[in-house]
C-alpha cells in the first residue's frame, strides 16, 4: 500500500496529523505510551478487519458469488 493512500486529502485529518507529528520533543515515557496506544489501535483495527472479512465470506456463500 502506498503511503499516500493512508493519508487523507485534507491535512487536518487525524491520521495525517499523527504521522507527521514531530517526535523529537517527546520523552521516552511519552514515546512508550504512544507505541502502546498505537499497538492497541492496531489490535482494534485488525479485529474489525477480521469481522469484515468473515461477514463478506458469509455473504458470498449465501449469494454464491
PDB file of N, CA and C in Angstrom:
ATOM      1  N   UNK A   1       0.843  -1.175   0.000  1.00  0.00           N
ATOM      2  CA  UNK A   1       0.000   0.000   0.000  1.00  0.00           C
ATOM      3  C   UNK A   1       0.890   1.240   0.000  1.00  0.00           C
ATOM      4  N   UNK A   2       0.545   2.153  -0.825  1.00  0.00           N
ATOM      5  CA  UNK A   2       1.255   3.420  -0.935  1.00  0.00           C
ATOM      6  C   UNK A   2       0.912   4.290   0.274  1.00  0.00           C
ATOM      7  N   UNK A   3       1.903   4.974   0.828  1.00  0.00           N
ATOM      8  CA  UNK A   3       1.648   5.828   1.983  1.00  0.00           C
ATOM      9  C   UNK A   3       0.667   6.941   1.680  1.00  0.00           C
ATOM     10  N   UNK A   4       0.649   7.403   0.449  1.00  0.00           N
ATOM     11  CA  UNK A   4      -0.298   8.453   0.073  1.00  0.00           C
ATOM     12  C   UNK A   4      -1.743   7.986   0.235  1.00  0.00           C
ATOM     13  N   UNK A   5      -1.971   6.668   0.082  1.00  0.00           N
ATOM     14  CA  UNK A   5      -3.315   6.129   0.257  1.00  0.00           C
ATOM     15  C   UNK A   5      -3.764   6.207   1.716  1.00  0.00           C
ATOM     16  N   UNK A   6      -2.807   6.133   2.641  1.00  0.00           N
ATOM     17  CA  UNK A   6      -3.131   6.191   4.062  1.00  0.00           C
ATOM     18  C   UNK A   6      -3.477   7.600   4.519  1.00  0.00           C
ATOM     19  N   UNK A   7      -2.879   8.570   3.900  1.00  0.00           N
ATOM     20  CA  UNK A   7      -3.065   9.944   4.335  1.00  0.00           C
ATOM     21  C   UNK A   7      -4.268  10.555   3.633  1.00  0.00           C
ATOM     22  N   UNK A   8      -5.044  11.253   4.408  1.00  0.00           N
ATOM     23  CA  UNK A   8      -6.244  11.888   3.878  1.00  0.00           C
ATOM     24  C   UNK A   8      -5.871  13.022   2.932  1.00  0.00           C
ATOM     25  N   UNK A   9      -6.840  13.409   2.186  1.00  0.00           N
ATOM     26  CA  UNK A   9      -6.628  14.502   1.225  1.00  0.00           C
ATOM     27  C   UNK A   9      -6.507  15.849   1.920  1.00  0.00           C
ATOM     28  N   UNK A  10      -7.099  15.963   3.091  1.00  0.00           N
ATOM     29  CA  UNK A  10      -7.032  17.221   3.816  1.00  0.00           C
ATOM     30  C   UNK A  10      -6.049  17.083   4.977  1.00  0.00           C
ATOM     31  N   UNK A  11      -5.221  18.071   5.188  1.00  0.00           N
ATOM     32  CA  UNK A  11      -4.167  17.970   6.199  1.00  0.00           C
ATOM     33  C   UNK A  11      -4.682  17.925   7.634  1.00  0.00           C
ATOM     34  N   UNK A  12      -5.937  18.281   7.861  1.00  0.00           N
ATOM     35  CA  UNK A  12      -6.421  18.274   9.236  1.00  0.00           C
ATOM     36  C   UNK A  12      -6.942  16.910   9.696  1.00  0.00           C
ATOM     37  N   UNK A  13      -6.909  15.914   8.851  1.00  0.00           N
ATOM     38  CA  UNK A  13      -7.343  14.576   9.237  1.00  0.00           C
ATOM     39  C   UNK A  13      -6.420  14.033  10.329  1.00  0.00           C
ATOM     40  N   UNK A  14      -6.969  13.341  11.329  1.00  0.00           N
ATOM     41  CA  UNK A  14      -6.160  12.852  12.461  1.00  0.00           C
ATOM     42  C   UNK A  14      -4.994  11.945  12.064  1.00  0.00           C
ATOM     43  N   UNK A  15      -5.195  11.038  11.127  1.00  0.00           N
ATOM     44  CA  UNK A  15      -4.104  10.147  10.721  1.00  0.00           C
ATOM     45  C   UNK A  15      -2.976  10.934  10.077  1.00  0.00           C
ATOM     46  N   UNK A  16      -3.308  11.913   9.283  1.00  0.00           N
ATOM     47  CA  UNK A  16      -2.301  12.760   8.659  1.00  0.00           C
ATOM     48  C   UNK A  16      -1.510  13.514   9.719  1.00  0.00           C
ATOM     49  N   UNK A  17      -2.217  14.097  10.679  1.00  0.00           N
ATOM     50  CA  UNK A  17      -1.552  14.839  11.748  1.00  0.00           C
ATOM     51  C   UNK A  17      -0.666  13.920  12.582  1.00  0.00           C
ATOM     52  N   UNK A  18      -1.163  12.747  12.895  1.00  0.00           N
ATOM     53  CA  UNK A  18      -0.418  11.805  13.719  1.00  0.00           C
ATOM     54  C   UNK A  18       0.890  11.390  13.053  1.00  0.00           C
ATOM     55  N   UNK A  19       0.819  11.082  11.790  1.00  0.00           N
ATOM     56  CA  UNK A  19       2.001  10.585  11.078  1.00  0.00           C
ATOM     57  C   UNK A  19       3.031  11.672  10.790  1.00  0.00           C
ATOM     58  N   UNK A  20       2.625  12.907  10.842  1.00  0.00           N
ATOM     59  CA  UNK A  20       3.552  13.999  10.561  1.00  0.00           C
ATOM     60  C   UNK A  20       4.024  14.715  11.821  1.00  0.00           C
ATOM     61  N   UNK A  21       3.549  14.279  12.983  1.00  0.00           N
ATOM     62  CA  UNK A  21       3.908  14.932  14.233  1.00  0.00           C
ATOM     63  C   UNK A  21       5.400  14.767  14.515  1.00  0.00           C
ATOM     64  N   UNK A  22       6.032  15.832  14.962  1.00  0.00           N
ATOM     65  CA  UNK A  22       7.443  15.806  15.334  1.00  0.00           C
ATOM     66  C   UNK A  22       7.587  15.025  16.634  1.00  0.00           C
ATOM     67  N   UNK A  23       8.380  13.980  16.618  1.00  0.00           N
ATOM     68  CA  UNK A  23       8.564  13.134  17.795  1.00  0.00           C
ATOM     69  C   UNK A  23       9.735  13.588  18.669  1.00  0.00           C
ATOM     70  N   UNK A  24      10.540  14.499  18.176  1.00  0.00           N
ATOM     71  CA  UNK A  24      11.727  14.937  18.918  1.00  0.00           C
ATOM     72  C   UNK A  24      11.436  15.470  20.318  1.00  0.00           C
ATOM     73  N   UNK A  25      10.385  16.247  20.507  1.00  0.00           N
ATOM     74  CA  UNK A  25      10.158  16.791  21.851  1.00  0.00           C
ATOM     75  C   UNK A  25       9.600  15.780  22.863  1.00  0.00           C
ATOM     76  N   UNK A  26       9.237  14.592  22.425  1.00  0.00           N
ATOM     77  CA  UNK A  26       8.621  13.617  23.321  1.00  0.00           C
ATOM     78  C   UNK A  26       9.671  12.885  24.153  1.00  0.00           C
ATOM     79  N   UNK A  27       9.312  12.621  25.404  1.00  0.00           N
ATOM     80  CA  UNK A  27      10.196  11.871  26.296  1.00  0.00           C
ATOM     81  C   UNK A  27      10.099  10.379  25.991  1.00  0.00           C
ATOM     82  N   UNK A  28      10.984   9.613  26.589  1.00  0.00           N
ATOM     83  CA  UNK A  28      10.958   8.161  26.421  1.00  0.00           C
ATOM     84  C   UNK A  28       9.603   7.619  26.886  1.00  0.00           C
ATOM     85  N   UNK A  29       9.132   8.099  28.021  1.00  0.00           N
ATOM     86  CA  UNK A  29       7.848   7.642  28.551  1.00  0.00           C
ATOM     87  C   UNK A  29       6.694   7.994  27.607  1.00  0.00           C
ATOM     88  N   UNK A  30       6.743   9.171  27.038  1.00  0.00           N
ATOM     89  CA  UNK A  30       5.705   9.576  26.101  1.00  0.00           C
ATOM     90  C   UNK A  30       5.754   8.736  24.822  1.00  0.00           C
ATOM     91  N   UNK A  31       6.953   8.428  24.367  1.00  0.00           N
ATOM     92  CA  UNK A  31       7.092   7.588  23.175  1.00  0.00           C
ATOM     93  C   UNK A  31       6.578   6.169  23.458  1.00  0.00           C
ATOM     94  N   UNK A  32       6.891   5.639  24.635  1.00  0.00           N
ATOM     95  CA  UNK A  32       6.408   4.302  25.004  1.00  0.00           C
ATOM     96  C   UNK A  32       4.888   4.287  25.106  1.00  0.00           C
ATOM     97  N   UNK A  33       4.311   5.336  25.677  1.00  0.00           N
ATOM     98  CA  UNK A  33       2.853   5.430  25.780  1.00  0.00           C
ATOM     99  C   UNK A  33       2.220   5.527  24.393  1.00  0.00           C
ATOM    100  N   UNK A  34       2.862   6.251  23.514  1.00  0.00           N
ATOM    101  CA  UNK A  34       2.368   6.389  22.140  1.00  0.00           C
ATOM    102  C   UNK A  34       2.380   5.038  21.434  1.00  0.00           C
ATOM    103  N   UNK A  35       3.467   4.297  21.593  1.00  0.00           N
ATOM    104  CA  UNK A  35       3.565   2.965  20.984  1.00  0.00           C
ATOM    105  C   UNK A  35       2.470   2.057  21.528  1.00  0.00           C
ATOM    106  N   UNK A  36       2.264   2.091  22.842  1.00  0.00           N
ATOM    107  CA  UNK A  36       1.223   1.261  23.460  1.00  0.00           C
ATOM    108  C   UNK A  36      -0.162   1.613  22.900  1.00  0.00           C
ATOM    109  N   UNK A  37      -0.433   2.882  22.772  1.00  0.00           N
ATOM    110  CA  UNK A  37      -1.722   3.321  22.231  1.00  0.00           C
ATOM    111  C   UNK A  37      -1.880   2.893  20.772  1.00  0.00           C
ATOM    112  N   UNK A  38      -0.822   3.034  19.989  1.00  0.00           N
ATOM    113  CA  UNK A  38      -0.888   2.651  18.578  1.00  0.00           C
ATOM    114  C   UNK A  38      -1.042   1.141  18.426  1.00  0.00           C
ATOM    115  N   UNK A  39      -0.352   0.365  19.257  1.00  0.00           N
ATOM    116  CA  UNK A  39      -0.497  -1.087  19.209  1.00  0.00           C
ATOM    117  C   UNK A  39      -1.924  -1.496  19.569  1.00  0.00           C
ATOM    118  N   UNK A  40      -2.513  -0.815  20.544  1.00  0.00           N
ATOM    119  CA  UNK A  40      -3.910  -1.074  20.887  1.00  0.00           C
ATOM    120  C   UNK A  40      -4.842  -0.757  19.734  1.00  0.00           C
ATOM    121  N   UNK A  41      -4.558   0.308  19.031  1.00  0.00           N
ATOM    122  CA  UNK A  41      -5.370   0.689  17.874  1.00  0.00           C
ATOM    123  C   UNK A  41      -5.207  -0.333  16.746  1.00  0.00           C
ATOM    124  N   UNK A  42      -4.010  -0.850  16.565  1.00  0.00           N
ATOM    125  CA  UNK A  42      -3.781  -1.880  15.548  1.00  0.00           C
ATOM    126  C   UNK A  42      -4.616  -3.118  15.859  1.00  0.00           C
ATOM    127  N   UNK A  43      -4.640  -3.536  17.122  1.00  0.00           N
ATOM    128  CA  UNK A  43      -5.443  -4.695  17.530  1.00  0.00           C
ATOM    129  C   UNK A  43      -6.914  -4.439  17.236  1.00  0.00           C
ATOM    130  N   UNK A  44      -7.396  -3.253  17.558  1.00  0.00           N
ATOM    131  CA  UNK A  44      -8.799  -2.901  17.323  1.00  0.00           C
ATOM    132  C   UNK A  44      -9.147  -2.932  15.838  1.00  0.00           C
ATOM    133  N   UNK A  45      -8.248  -2.400  15.014  1.00  0.00           N
ATOM    134  CA  UNK A  45      -8.492  -2.370  13.564  1.00  0.00           C
ATOM    135  C   UNK A  45      -8.440  -3.779  12.987  1.00  0.00           C
ATOM    136  N   UNK A  46      -7.489  -4.600  13.460  1.00  0.00           N
ATOM    137  CA  UNK A  46      -7.409  -5.986  12.966  1.00  0.00           C
ATOM    138  C   UNK A  46      -8.675  -6.765  13.301  1.00  0.00           C
ATOM    139  N   UNK A  47      -9.225  -6.577  14.509  1.00  0.00           N
ATOM    140  CA  UNK A  47     -10.472  -7.248  14.880  1.00  0.00           C
ATOM    141  C   UNK A  47     -11.600  -6.820  13.954  1.00  0.00           C
ATOM    142  N   UNK A  48     -11.669  -5.535  13.667  1.00  0.00           N
ATOM    143  CA  UNK A  48     -12.703  -5.027  12.754  1.00  0.00           C
ATOM    144  C   UNK A  48     -12.523  -5.619  11.360  1.00  0.00           C
ATOM    145  N   UNK A  49     -11.288  -5.674  10.906  1.00  0.00           N
ATOM    146  CA  UNK A  49     -10.982  -6.245   9.595  1.00  0.00           C
ATOM    147  C   UNK A  49     -11.359  -7.724   9.539  1.00  0.00           C
ATOM    148  N   UNK A  50     -10.999  -8.473  10.576  1.00  0.00           N
ATOM    149  CA  UNK A  50     -11.337  -9.898  10.612  1.00  0.00           C
ATOM    150  C   UNK A  50     -12.850 -10.091  10.565  1.00  0.00           C
ATOM    151  N   UNK A  51     -13.578  -9.262  11.308  1.00  0.00           N
ATOM    152  CA  UNK A  51     -15.032  -9.340  11.284  1.00  0.00           C
ATOM    153  C   UNK A  51     -15.595  -9.020   9.912  1.00  0.00           C
ATOM    154  N   UNK A  52     -15.028  -8.037   9.262  1.00  0.00           N
ATOM    155  CA  UNK A  52     -15.497  -7.648   7.927  1.00  0.00           C
ATOM    156  C   UNK A  52     -15.230  -8.760   6.913  1.00  0.00           C
ATOM    157  N   UNK A  53     -14.069  -9.384   7.018  1.00  0.00           N
ATOM    158  CA  UNK A  53     -13.725 -10.483   6.099  1.00  0.00           C
ATOM    159  C   UNK A  53     -14.666 -11.664   6.320  1.00  0.00           C
ATOM    160  N   UNK A  54     -14.911 -11.987   7.582  1.00  0.00           N
ATOM    161  CA  UNK A  54     -15.824 -13.084   7.907  1.00  0.00           C
ATOM    162  C   UNK A  54     -17.232 -12.785   7.400  1.00  0.00           C
ATOM    163  N   UNK A  55     -17.681 -11.559   7.599  1.00  0.00           N
ATOM    164  CA  UNK A  55     -19.004 -11.161   7.133  1.00  0.00           C
ATOM    165  C   UNK A  55     -19.094 -11.263   5.617  1.00  0.00           C
ATOM    166  N   UNK A  56     -18.049 -10.823   4.947  1.00  0.00           N
ATOM    167  CA  UNK A  56     -18.033 -10.877   3.476  1.00  0.00           C
ATOM    168  C   UNK A  56     -18.070 -12.308   2.967  1.00  0.00           C
ATOM    169  N   UNK A  57     -17.304 -13.185   3.626  1.00  0.00           N
ATOM    170  CA  UNK A  57     -17.307 -14.604   3.222  1.00  0.00           C
ATOM    171  C   UNK A  57     -18.692 -15.216   3.394  1.00  0.00           C
ATOM    172  N   UNK A  58     -19.341 -14.894   4.501  1.00  0.00           N
ATOM    173  CA  UNK A  58     -20.675 -15.406   4.740  1.00  0.00           C
ATOM    174  C   UNK A  58     -21.652 -14.906   3.680  1.00  0.00           C
ATOM    175  N   UNK A  59     -21.552 -13.643   3.336  1.00  0.00           N
ATOM    176  CA  UNK A  59     -22.431 -13.086   2.299  1.00  0.00           C
ATOM    177  C   UNK A  59     -22.153 -13.726   0.950  1.00  0.00           C
ATOM    178  N   UNK A  60     -20.882 -13.920   0.629  1.00  0.00           N
ATOM    179  CA  UNK A  60     -20.529 -14.563  -0.641  1.00  0.00           C
ATOM    180  C   UNK A  60     -21.087 -15.978  -0.709  1.00  0.00           C
ATOM    181  N   UNK A  61     -21.001 -16.705   0.400  1.00  0.00           N
ATOM    182  CA  UNK A  61     -21.542 -18.073   0.433  1.00  0.00           C
ATOM    183  C   UNK A  61     -23.061 -18.047   0.278  1.00  0.00           C
ATOM    184  N   UNK A  62     -23.701 -17.098   0.947  1.00  0.00           N
ATOM    185  CA  UNK A  62     -25.147 -17.009   0.898  1.00  0.00           C
ATOM    186  C   UNK A  62     -25.633 -16.723  -0.522  1.00  0.00           C
ATOM    187  N   UNK A  63     -24.947 -15.832  -1.216  1.00  0.00           N
ATOM    188  CA  UNK A  63     -25.381 -15.428  -2.545  1.00  0.00           C
ATOM    189  C   UNK A  63     -24.611 -16.125  -3.660  1.00  0.00           C
ATOM    190  N   UNK A  64     -23.737 -17.070  -3.301  1.00  0.00           N
ATOM    191  CA  UNK A  64     -22.977 -17.880  -4.281  1.00  0.00           C
ATOM    192  C   UNK A  64     -22.333 -17.021  -5.346  1.00  0.00           C
ATOM    193  N   UNK A  65     -21.499 -16.092  -4.896  1.00  0.00           N
ATOM    194  CA  UNK A  65     -20.792 -15.200  -5.812  1.00  0.00           C
ATOM    195  C   UNK A  65     -19.860 -15.955  -6.690  1.00  0.00           C
TER     196      UNK A  65
END
